[in-house]
């Protein structure tokens, strides 16, 4: 419980730009996951006719992790440049 409290305290001390980068990358990741889920449901499973939709959902499922990683790296770089 105290670990989460320390994480939130540290997040509140971030500069405004870093906080926005993290927030928007998290929002984009959630949007990508929701889109992937919608494509999975609409494809109805893997078949010859729904291969394109299923493959698009598979690739869309991989993107949130990349977006979060880039967002975290960018946030750390901005935070390091502003706090000296």
Protein backbone atom coordinates (compact mmCIF):
# COMPACT_ATOMS: atom_id res chain seq x y z
CA UNK A 1 0.00 0.00 0.00
CA UNK A 2 2.80 2.43 0.82
CA UNK A 3 4.48 1.67 -2.50
CA UNK A 4 1.47 3.00 -4.40
CA UNK A 5 1.33 6.02 -2.12
CA UNK A 6 4.98 6.79 -2.89
CA UNK A 7 4.39 6.40 -6.62
CA UNK A 8 1.47 8.84 -6.53
CA UNK A 9 3.42 11.32 -4.42
CA UNK A 10 6.28 11.23 -6.92
CA UNK A 11 3.88 11.61 -9.84
CA UNK A 12 2.36 14.72 -8.25
CA UNK A 13 5.81 16.30 -7.99
CA UNK A 14 6.48 15.95 -11.73
CA UNK A 15 6.58 19.02 -13.91
CA UNK A 16 3.44 19.79 -15.90
CA UNK A 17 4.81 18.74 -19.30
CA UNK A 18 6.05 15.38 -18.02
CA UNK A 19 2.73 14.72 -16.35
CA UNK A 20 0.86 15.49 -19.56
CA UNK A 21 3.11 13.20 -21.59
CA UNK A 22 2.47 10.31 -19.21
CA UNK A 23 -1.25 11.03 -19.06
CA UNK A 24 -1.72 11.27 -22.82
CA UNK A 25 0.38 8.16 -23.50
CA UNK A 26 -1.74 6.25 -20.98
CA UNK A 27 -4.93 7.53 -22.60
CA UNK A 28 -3.68 6.57 -26.07
CA UNK A 29 -2.72 3.11 -24.81
CA UNK A 30 -6.18 2.56 -23.37
CA UNK A 31 -7.72 3.74 -26.64
CA UNK A 32 -5.57 1.31 -28.62
CA UNK A 33 -6.54 -1.57 -26.34
CA UNK A 34 -10.23 -0.71 -26.69
CA UNK A 35 -9.88 -0.54 -30.47
CA UNK A 36 -8.15 -3.89 -30.52
CA UNK A 37 -10.91 -5.42 -28.42
CA UNK A 38 -13.55 -3.97 -30.74
CA UNK A 39 -11.79 -5.42 -33.77
CA UNK A 40 -11.50 -8.83 -32.10
CA UNK A 41 -15.20 -8.84 -31.33
CA UNK A 42 -16.19 -7.65 -34.80
CA UNK A 43 -13.95 -10.19 -36.55
CA UNK A 44 -15.61 -13.12 -34.80
CA UNK A 45 -12.44 -15.18 -34.75
CA UNK A 46 -9.82 -16.14 -37.27
CA UNK A 47 -11.10 -17.35 -40.62
CA UNK A 48 -10.27 -16.81 -44.27
CA UNK A 49 -12.76 -13.97 -44.60
CA UNK A 50 -11.78 -12.11 -41.41
CA UNK A 51 -8.02 -12.56 -41.61
CA UNK A 52 -7.33 -8.86 -42.30
CA UNK A 53 -9.44 -7.64 -39.40
CA UNK A 54 -8.00 -10.23 -37.02
CA UNK A 55 -4.43 -9.42 -38.05
CA UNK A 56 -5.10 -5.69 -37.61
CA UNK A 57 -6.41 -6.39 -34.09
CA UNK A 58 -3.30 -8.46 -33.33
CA UNK A 59 -1.00 -5.64 -34.39
CA UNK A 60 -3.09 -3.05 -32.57
CA UNK A 61 -2.73 -5.11 -29.40
CA UNK A 62 1.07 -4.76 -29.52
CA UNK A 63 1.10 -0.97 -29.87
CA UNK A 64 0.06 0.17 -26.33
CA UNK A 65 3.26 -1.19 -24.82
CA UNK A 66 5.35 0.71 -27.34
CA UNK A 67 3.39 3.91 -26.76
CA UNK A 68 3.82 3.61 -22.98
CA UNK A 69 7.55 2.93 -23.31
CA UNK A 70 8.09 5.94 -25.55
CA UNK A 71 5.93 8.09 -23.26
CA UNK A 72 7.90 7.08 -20.19
CA UNK A 73 11.23 7.73 -21.90
CA UNK A 74 10.05 11.13 -23.15
CA UNK A 75 8.69 12.04 -19.73
CA UNK A 76 11.95 11.12 -18.02
CA UNK A 77 13.96 13.14 -20.54
CA UNK A 78 11.75 16.20 -20.10
CA UNK A 79 11.82 15.85 -16.32
CA UNK A 80 15.62 15.54 -16.36
CA UNK A 81 16.00 18.66 -18.52
CA UNK A 82 13.65 20.82 -16.43
CA UNK A 83 14.79 19.80 -12.94
CA UNK A 84 18.43 20.63 -12.35
